[in-house]
Amino acid sequence: MELIELAQTADFSSPAAIEEAIKQLAARNGLGFGDYQAVARLAVTGTNVGPSIHADLSCFWRERVRRGLERFQAAG
């Protein structure tokens, strides 16, 4: 899953860096930011609602984000 790769390599140092990484991934695949945001939020937090995706992802360490995405993919 591309989001797992992103969680392993993306810059988590700022909201802008997280947003840019997701936008670049979406653009490479001809999709929009929201297409990835919803999946990432659900995998990491277990819900589709919450603060900005940047807040959700920056609150968690890279490893926790990756594990959440892998669990989501396996349940898929």
PDB file of N, CA and C in Angstrom:
ATOM      1  N   MET A   1       0.853  -1.174   0.000  1.00  0.00           N
ATOM      2  CA  MET A   1       0.000   0.000   0.000  1.00  0.00           C
ATOM      3  C   MET A   1       0.900   1.240   0.000  1.00  0.00           C
ATOM      4  N   GLU A   2       0.617   2.157  -0.861  1.00  0.00           N
ATOM      5  CA  GLU A   2       1.451   3.352  -1.009  1.00  0.00           C
ATOM      6  C   GLU A   2       1.485   4.206   0.251  1.00  0.00           C
ATOM      7  N   LEU A   3       0.407   4.219   1.010  1.00  0.00           N
ATOM      8  CA  LEU A   3       0.401   5.013   2.241  1.00  0.00           C
ATOM      9  C   LEU A   3       1.383   4.449   3.264  1.00  0.00           C
ATOM     10  N   ILE A   4       1.597   3.143   3.250  1.00  0.00           N
ATOM     11  CA  ILE A   4       2.578   2.547   4.166  1.00  0.00           C
ATOM     12  C   ILE A   4       3.976   3.046   3.803  1.00  0.00           C
ATOM     13  N   GLU A   5       4.285   3.037   2.523  1.00  0.00           N
ATOM     14  CA  GLU A   5       5.577   3.566   2.079  1.00  0.00           C
ATOM     15  C   GLU A   5       5.719   5.030   2.478  1.00  0.00           C
ATOM     16  N   LEU A   6       4.649   5.784   2.301  1.00  0.00           N
ATOM     17  CA  LEU A   6       4.672   7.197   2.659  1.00  0.00           C
ATOM     18  C   LEU A   6       4.947   7.367   4.149  1.00  0.00           C
ATOM     19  N   ALA A   7       4.326   6.535   4.978  1.00  0.00           N
ATOM     20  CA  ALA A   7       4.524   6.620   6.425  1.00  0.00           C
ATOM     21  C   ALA A   7       5.967   6.324   6.797  1.00  0.00           C
ATOM     22  N   GLN A   8       6.640   5.505   6.010  1.00  0.00           N
ATOM     23  CA  GLN A   8       8.022   5.150   6.299  1.00  0.00           C
ATOM     24  C   GLN A   8       9.021   6.206   5.840  1.00  0.00           C
ATOM     25  N   THR A   9       8.644   6.994   4.840  1.00  0.00           N
ATOM     26  CA  THR A   9       9.625   7.900   4.250  1.00  0.00           C
ATOM     27  C   THR A   9       9.285   9.381   4.367  1.00  0.00           C
ATOM     28  N   ALA A  10       8.037   9.699   4.664  1.00  0.00           N
ATOM     29  CA  ALA A  10       7.610  11.105   4.646  1.00  0.00           C
ATOM     30  C   ALA A  10       8.217  11.897   5.793  1.00  0.00           C
ATOM     31  N   ASP A  11       8.292  13.170   5.580  1.00  0.00           N
ATOM     32  CA  ASP A  11       8.747  14.124   6.588  1.00  0.00           C
ATOM     33  C   ASP A  11       7.561  14.441   7.499  1.00  0.00           C
ATOM     34  N   PHE A  12       7.632  14.052   8.751  1.00  0.00           N
ATOM     35  CA  PHE A  12       6.558  14.283   9.715  1.00  0.00           C
ATOM     36  C   PHE A  12       6.829  15.519  10.573  1.00  0.00           C
ATOM     37  N   SER A  13       7.755  16.360  10.155  1.00  0.00           N
ATOM     38  CA  SER A  13       8.189  17.473  11.007  1.00  0.00           C
ATOM     39  C   SER A  13       7.209  18.631  11.087  1.00  0.00           C
ATOM     40  N   SER A  14       6.274  18.709  10.144  1.00  0.00           N
ATOM     41  CA  SER A  14       5.330  19.825  10.176  1.00  0.00           C
ATOM     42  C   SER A  14       4.052  19.456   9.441  1.00  0.00           C
ATOM     43  N   PRO A  15       2.956  20.137   9.751  1.00  0.00           N
ATOM     44  CA  PRO A  15       1.714  19.901   9.016  1.00  0.00           C
ATOM     45  C   PRO A  15       1.874  20.106   7.516  1.00  0.00           C
ATOM     46  N   ALA A  16       2.624  21.122   7.133  1.00  0.00           N
ATOM     47  CA  ALA A  16       2.824  21.407   5.710  1.00  0.00           C
ATOM     48  C   ALA A  16       3.569  20.267   5.021  1.00  0.00           C
ATOM     49  N   ALA A  17       4.535  19.679   5.696  1.00  0.00           N
ATOM     50  CA  ALA A  17       5.303  18.579   5.111  1.00  0.00           C
ATOM     51  C   ALA A  17       4.428  17.340   4.926  1.00  0.00           C
ATOM     52  N   ILE A  18       3.582  17.053   5.909  1.00  0.00           N
ATOM     53  CA  ILE A  18       2.673  15.910   5.809  1.00  0.00           C
ATOM     54  C   ILE A  18       1.697  16.121   4.661  1.00  0.00           C
ATOM     55  N   GLU A  19       1.109  17.303   4.598  1.00  0.00           N
ATOM     56  CA  GLU A  19       0.150  17.603   3.537  1.00  0.00           C
ATOM     57  C   GLU A  19       0.799  17.499   2.169  1.00  0.00           C
ATOM     58  N   GLU A  20       1.983  18.027   2.029  1.00  0.00           N
ATOM     59  CA  GLU A  20       2.672  17.998   0.733  1.00  0.00           C
ATOM     60  C   GLU A  20       2.976  16.564   0.310  1.00  0.00           C
ATOM     61  N   ALA A  21       3.392  15.725   1.236  1.00  0.00           N
ATOM     62  CA  ALA A  21       3.688  14.332   0.906  1.00  0.00           C
ATOM     63  C   ALA A  21       2.436  13.617   0.404  1.00  0.00           C
ATOM     64  N   ILE A  22       1.303  13.840   1.080  1.00  0.00           N
ATOM     65  CA  ILE A  22       0.056  13.201   0.650  1.00  0.00           C
ATOM     66  C   ILE A  22      -0.389  13.756  -0.704  1.00  0.00           C
ATOM     67  N   LYS A  23      -0.257  15.060  -0.897  1.00  0.00           N
ATOM     68  CA  LYS A  23      -0.647  15.661  -2.178  1.00  0.00           C
ATOM     69  C   LYS A  23       0.192  15.120  -3.329  1.00  0.00           C
ATOM     70  N   GLN A  24       1.482  14.943  -3.109  1.00  0.00           N
ATOM     71  CA  GLN A  24       2.347  14.410  -4.157  1.00  0.00           C
ATOM     72  C   GLN A  24       1.978  12.974  -4.502  1.00  0.00           C
ATOM     73  N   LEU A  25       1.685  12.171  -3.496  1.00  0.00           N
ATOM     74  CA  LEU A  25       1.253  10.799  -3.730  1.00  0.00           C
ATOM     75  C   LEU A  25      -0.041  10.777  -4.531  1.00  0.00           C
ATOM     76  N   ALA A  26      -0.988  11.581  -4.127  1.00  0.00           N
ATOM     77  CA  ALA A  26      -2.272  11.642  -4.832  1.00  0.00           C
ATOM     78  C   ALA A  26      -2.080  12.082  -6.281  1.00  0.00           C
ATOM     79  N   ALA A  27      -1.271  13.097  -6.509  1.00  0.00           N
ATOM     80  CA  ALA A  27      -1.046  13.610  -7.864  1.00  0.00           C
ATOM     81  C   ALA A  27      -0.408  12.554  -8.763  1.00  0.00           C
ATOM     82  N   ARG A  28       0.531  11.785  -8.212  1.00  0.00           N
ATOM     83  CA  ARG A  28       1.173  10.724  -8.999  1.00  0.00           C
ATOM     84  C   ARG A  28       0.161   9.692  -9.486  1.00  0.00           C
ATOM     85  N   ASN A  29      -0.920   9.546  -8.749  1.00  0.00           N
ATOM     86  CA  ASN A  29      -1.923   8.537  -9.084  1.00  0.00           C
ATOM     87  C   ASN A  29      -3.191   9.125  -9.671  1.00  0.00           C
ATOM     88  N   GLY A  30      -3.160  10.422  -9.993  1.00  0.00           N
ATOM     89  CA  GLY A  30      -4.322  11.058 -10.589  1.00  0.00           C
ATOM     90  C   GLY A  30      -5.508  11.159  -9.640  1.00  0.00           C
ATOM     91  N   LEU A  31      -5.242  11.206  -8.356  1.00  0.00           N
ATOM     92  CA  LEU A  31      -6.291  11.290  -7.350  1.00  0.00           C
ATOM     93  C   LEU A  31      -6.180  12.596  -6.586  1.00  0.00           C
ATOM     94  N   GLY A  32      -7.142  12.844  -5.742  1.00  0.00           N
ATOM     95  CA  GLY A  32      -7.127  14.048  -4.930  1.00  0.00           C
ATOM     96  C   GLY A  32      -6.623  13.776  -3.526  1.00  0.00           C
ATOM     97  N   PHE A  33      -6.262  14.823  -2.842  1.00  0.00           N
ATOM     98  CA  PHE A  33      -5.772  14.752  -1.465  1.00  0.00           C
ATOM     99  C   PHE A  33      -6.759  14.001  -0.571  1.00  0.00           C
ATOM    100  N   GLY A  34      -8.043  14.289  -0.714  1.00  0.00           N
ATOM    101  CA  GLY A  34      -9.074  13.670   0.114  1.00  0.00           C
ATOM    102  C   GLY A  34      -9.177  12.173  -0.050  1.00  0.00           C
ATOM    103  N   ASP A  35      -8.805  11.674  -1.222  1.00  0.00           N
ATOM    104  CA  ASP A  35      -8.853  10.228  -1.449  1.00  0.00           C
ATOM    105  C   ASP A  35      -7.903   9.484  -0.515  1.00  0.00           C
ATOM    106  N   TYR A  36      -6.795  10.083  -0.207  1.00  0.00           N
ATOM    107  CA  TYR A  36      -5.823   9.466   0.694  1.00  0.00           C
ATOM    108  C   TYR A  36      -6.062   9.875   2.139  1.00  0.00           C
ATOM    109  N   GLN A  37      -6.515  11.074   2.331  1.00  0.00           N
ATOM    110  CA  GLN A  37      -6.736  11.578   3.683  1.00  0.00           C
ATOM    111  C   GLN A  37      -7.729  10.702   4.440  1.00  0.00           C
ATOM    112  N   ALA A  38      -8.829  10.350   3.802  1.00  0.00           N
ATOM    113  CA  ALA A  38      -9.874   9.562   4.462  1.00  0.00           C
ATOM    114  C   ALA A  38      -9.352   8.189   4.878  1.00  0.00           C
ATOM    115  N   VAL A  39      -8.616   7.537   3.993  1.00  0.00           N
ATOM    116  CA  VAL A  39      -8.076   6.212   4.294  1.00  0.00           C
ATOM    117  C   VAL A  39      -7.047   6.300   5.417  1.00  0.00           C
ATOM    118  N   ALA A  40      -6.177   7.274   5.333  1.00  0.00           N
ATOM    119  CA  ALA A  40      -5.140   7.421   6.355  1.00  0.00           C
ATOM    120  C   ALA A  40      -5.757   7.689   7.721  1.00  0.00           C
ATOM    121  N   ARG A  41      -6.726   8.579   7.788  1.00  0.00           N
ATOM    122  CA  ARG A  41      -7.359   8.891   9.071  1.00  0.00           C
ATOM    123  C   ARG A  41      -8.052   7.664   9.655  1.00  0.00           C
ATOM    124  N   LEU A  42      -8.793   6.939   8.837  1.00  0.00           N
ATOM    125  CA  LEU A  42      -9.504   5.751   9.308  1.00  0.00           C
ATOM    126  C   LEU A  42      -8.522   4.698   9.819  1.00  0.00           C
ATOM    127  N   ALA A  43      -7.448   4.478   9.094  1.00  0.00           N
ATOM    128  CA  ALA A  43      -6.464   3.473   9.487  1.00  0.00           C
ATOM    129  C   ALA A  43      -5.746   3.832  10.776  1.00  0.00           C
ATOM    130  N   VAL A  44      -5.443   5.100  10.961  1.00  0.00           N
ATOM    131  CA  VAL A  44      -4.642   5.518  12.104  1.00  0.00           C
ATOM    132  C   VAL A  44      -5.489   5.772  13.347  1.00  0.00           C
ATOM    133  N   THR A  45      -6.674   6.364  13.162  1.00  0.00           N
ATOM    134  CA  THR A  45      -7.473   6.754  14.330  1.00  0.00           C
ATOM    135  C   THR A  45      -8.701   5.878  14.539  1.00  0.00           C
ATOM    136  N   GLY A  46      -9.101   5.139  13.514  1.00  0.00           N
ATOM    137  CA  GLY A  46     -10.287   4.311  13.626  1.00  0.00           C
ATOM    138  C   GLY A  46     -11.589   5.043  13.373  1.00  0.00           C
ATOM    139  N   THR A  47     -11.511   6.270  12.890  1.00  0.00           N
ATOM    140  CA  THR A  47     -12.707   7.058  12.621  1.00  0.00           C
ATOM    141  C   THR A  47     -12.499   7.909  11.374  1.00  0.00           C
ATOM    142  N   ASN A  48     -13.586   8.345  10.803  1.00  0.00           N
ATOM    143  CA  ASN A  48     -13.508   9.219   9.628  1.00  0.00           C
ATOM    144  C   ASN A  48     -13.640  10.686   9.978  1.00  0.00           C
ATOM    145  N   VAL A  49     -13.779  10.996  11.240  1.00  0.00           N
ATOM    146  CA  VAL A  49     -13.933  12.387  11.662  1.00  0.00           C
ATOM    147  C   VAL A  49     -12.809  12.755  12.613  1.00  0.00           C
ATOM    148  N   GLY A  50     -12.521  14.016  12.664  1.00  0.00           N
ATOM    149  CA  GLY A  50     -11.489  14.486  13.580  1.00  0.00           C
ATOM    150  C   GLY A  50     -10.882  15.775  13.102  1.00  0.00           C
ATOM    151  N   PRO A  51      -9.801  16.153  13.744  1.00  0.00           N
ATOM    152  CA  PRO A  51      -9.100  17.363  13.321  1.00  0.00           C
ATOM    153  C   PRO A  51      -8.451  17.143  11.962  1.00  0.00           C
ATOM    154  N   SER A  52      -7.686  18.067  11.523  1.00  0.00           N
ATOM    155  CA  SER A  52      -7.020  17.920  10.226  1.00  0.00           C
ATOM    156  C   SER A  52      -6.176  16.647  10.211  1.00  0.00           C
ATOM    157  N   ILE A  53      -5.993  16.110   9.040  1.00  0.00           N
ATOM    158  CA  ILE A  53      -5.170  14.906   8.907  1.00  0.00           C
ATOM    159  C   ILE A  53      -3.752  15.173   9.401  1.00  0.00           C
ATOM    160  N   HIS A  54      -3.298  16.398   9.261  1.00  0.00           N
ATOM    161  CA  HIS A  54      -1.950  16.746   9.711  1.00  0.00           C
ATOM    162  C   HIS A  54      -1.856  16.559  11.218  1.00  0.00           C
ATOM    163  N   ALA A  55      -2.886  16.997  11.929  1.00  0.00           N
ATOM    164  CA  ALA A  55      -2.895  16.840  13.386  1.00  0.00           C
ATOM    165  C   ALA A  55      -2.949  15.367  13.753  1.00  0.00           C
ATOM    166  N   ASP A  56      -3.794  14.617  13.062  1.00  0.00           N
ATOM    167  CA  ASP A  56      -3.887  13.182  13.341  1.00  0.00           C
ATOM    168  C   ASP A  56      -2.536  12.503  13.164  1.00  0.00           C
ATOM    169  N   LEU A  57      -1.905  12.724  12.037  1.00  0.00           N
ATOM    170  CA  LEU A  57      -0.663  12.020  11.732  1.00  0.00           C
ATOM    171  C   LEU A  57       0.524  12.534  12.527  1.00  0.00           C
ATOM    172  N   SER A  58       0.574  13.821  12.790  1.00  0.00           N
ATOM    173  CA  SER A  58       1.728  14.342  13.519  1.00  0.00           C
ATOM    174  C   SER A  58       1.675  13.991  14.994  1.00  0.00           C
ATOM    175  N   CYS A  59       0.498  13.612  15.494  1.00  0.00           N
ATOM    176  CA  CYS A  59       0.368  13.196  16.890  1.00  0.00           C
ATOM    177  C   CYS A  59       0.962  11.815  17.122  1.00  0.00           C
ATOM    178  N   PHE A  60       1.048  11.050  16.062  1.00  0.00           N
ATOM    179  CA  PHE A  60       1.524   9.679  16.183  1.00  0.00           C
ATOM    180  C   PHE A  60       2.923   9.562  15.616  1.00  0.00           C
ATOM    181  N   TRP A  61       3.674   8.676  16.181  1.00  0.00           N
ATOM    182  CA  TRP A  61       4.999   8.446  15.646  1.00  0.00           C
ATOM    183  C   TRP A  61       4.885   7.660  14.364  1.00  0.00           C
ATOM    184  N   ARG A  62       5.864   7.786  13.525  1.00  0.00           N
ATOM    185  CA  ARG A  62       5.899   7.141  12.209  1.00  0.00           C
ATOM    186  C   ARG A  62       5.559   5.649  12.314  1.00  0.00           C
ATOM    187  N   GLU A  63       6.094   4.964  13.277  1.00  0.00           N
ATOM    188  CA  GLU A  63       5.876   3.524  13.403  1.00  0.00           C
ATOM    189  C   GLU A  63       4.403   3.202  13.668  1.00  0.00           C
ATOM    190  N   ARG A  64       3.754   3.982  14.496  1.00  0.00           N
ATOM    191  CA  ARG A  64       2.339   3.739  14.791  1.00  0.00           C
ATOM    192  C   ARG A  64       1.475   3.991  13.549  1.00  0.00           C
ATOM    193  N   VAL A  65       1.819   5.002  12.797  1.00  0.00           N
ATOM    194  CA  VAL A  65       1.080   5.277  11.557  1.00  0.00           C
ATOM    195  C   VAL A  65       1.234   4.095  10.606  1.00  0.00           C
ATOM    196  N   ARG A  66       2.439   3.611  10.449  1.00  0.00           N
ATOM    197  CA  ARG A  66       2.693   2.480   9.551  1.00  0.00           C
ATOM    198  C   ARG A  66       1.923   1.237  10.008  1.00  0.00           C
ATOM    199  N   ARG A  67       1.958   0.935  11.305  1.00  0.00           N
ATOM    200  CA  ARG A  67       1.248  -0.248  11.813  1.00  0.00           C
ATOM    201  C   ARG A  67      -0.259  -0.129  11.594  1.00  0.00           C
ATOM    202  N   GLY A  68      -0.812   1.052  11.800  1.00  0.00           N
ATOM    203  CA  GLY A  68      -2.242   1.250  11.572  1.00  0.00           C
ATOM    204  C   GLY A  68      -2.624   1.031  10.130  1.00  0.00           C
ATOM    205  N   LEU A  69      -1.811   1.528   9.223  1.00  0.00           N
ATOM    206  CA  LEU A  69      -2.070   1.338   7.793  1.00  0.00           C
ATOM    207  C   LEU A  69      -1.961  -0.129   7.402  1.00  0.00           C
ATOM    208  N   GLU A  70      -0.999  -0.837   7.962  1.00  0.00           N
ATOM    209  CA  GLU A  70      -0.847  -2.256   7.651  1.00  0.00           C
ATOM    210  C   GLU A  70      -2.037  -3.061   8.171  1.00  0.00           C
ATOM    211  N   ARG A  71      -2.536  -2.753   9.368  1.00  0.00           N
ATOM    212  CA  ARG A  71      -3.724  -3.441   9.903  1.00  0.00           C
ATOM    213  C   ARG A  71      -4.932  -3.177   9.007  1.00  0.00           C
ATOM    214  N   PHE A  72      -5.079  -1.935   8.577  1.00  0.00           N
ATOM    215  CA  PHE A  72      -6.194  -1.563   7.706  1.00  0.00           C
ATOM    216  C   PHE A  72      -6.131  -2.337   6.396  1.00  0.00           C
ATOM    217  N   GLN A  73      -4.952  -2.428   5.820  1.00  0.00           N
ATOM    218  CA  GLN A  73      -4.778  -3.151   4.563  1.00  0.00           C
ATOM    219  C   GLN A  73      -5.096  -4.634   4.750  1.00  0.00           C
ATOM    220  N   ALA A  74      -4.642  -5.224   5.831  1.00  0.00           N
ATOM    221  CA  ALA A  74      -4.859  -6.645   6.079  1.00  0.00           C
ATOM    222  C   ALA A  74      -6.350  -6.960   6.274  1.00  0.00           C
ATOM    223  N   ALA A  75      -7.070  -6.019   6.857  1.00  0.00           N
ATOM    224  CA  ALA A  75      -8.498  -6.235   7.103  1.00  0.00           C
ATOM    225  C   ALA A  75      -9.324  -6.059   5.848  1.00  0.00           C
ATOM    226  N   GLY A  76      -8.725  -5.373   4.864  1.00  0.00           N
ATOM    227  CA  GLY A  76      -9.313  -4.934   3.650  1.00  0.00           C
ATOM    228  C   GLY A  76     -10.186  -5.747   2.868  1.00  0.00           C
TER     229      GLY A  76
END
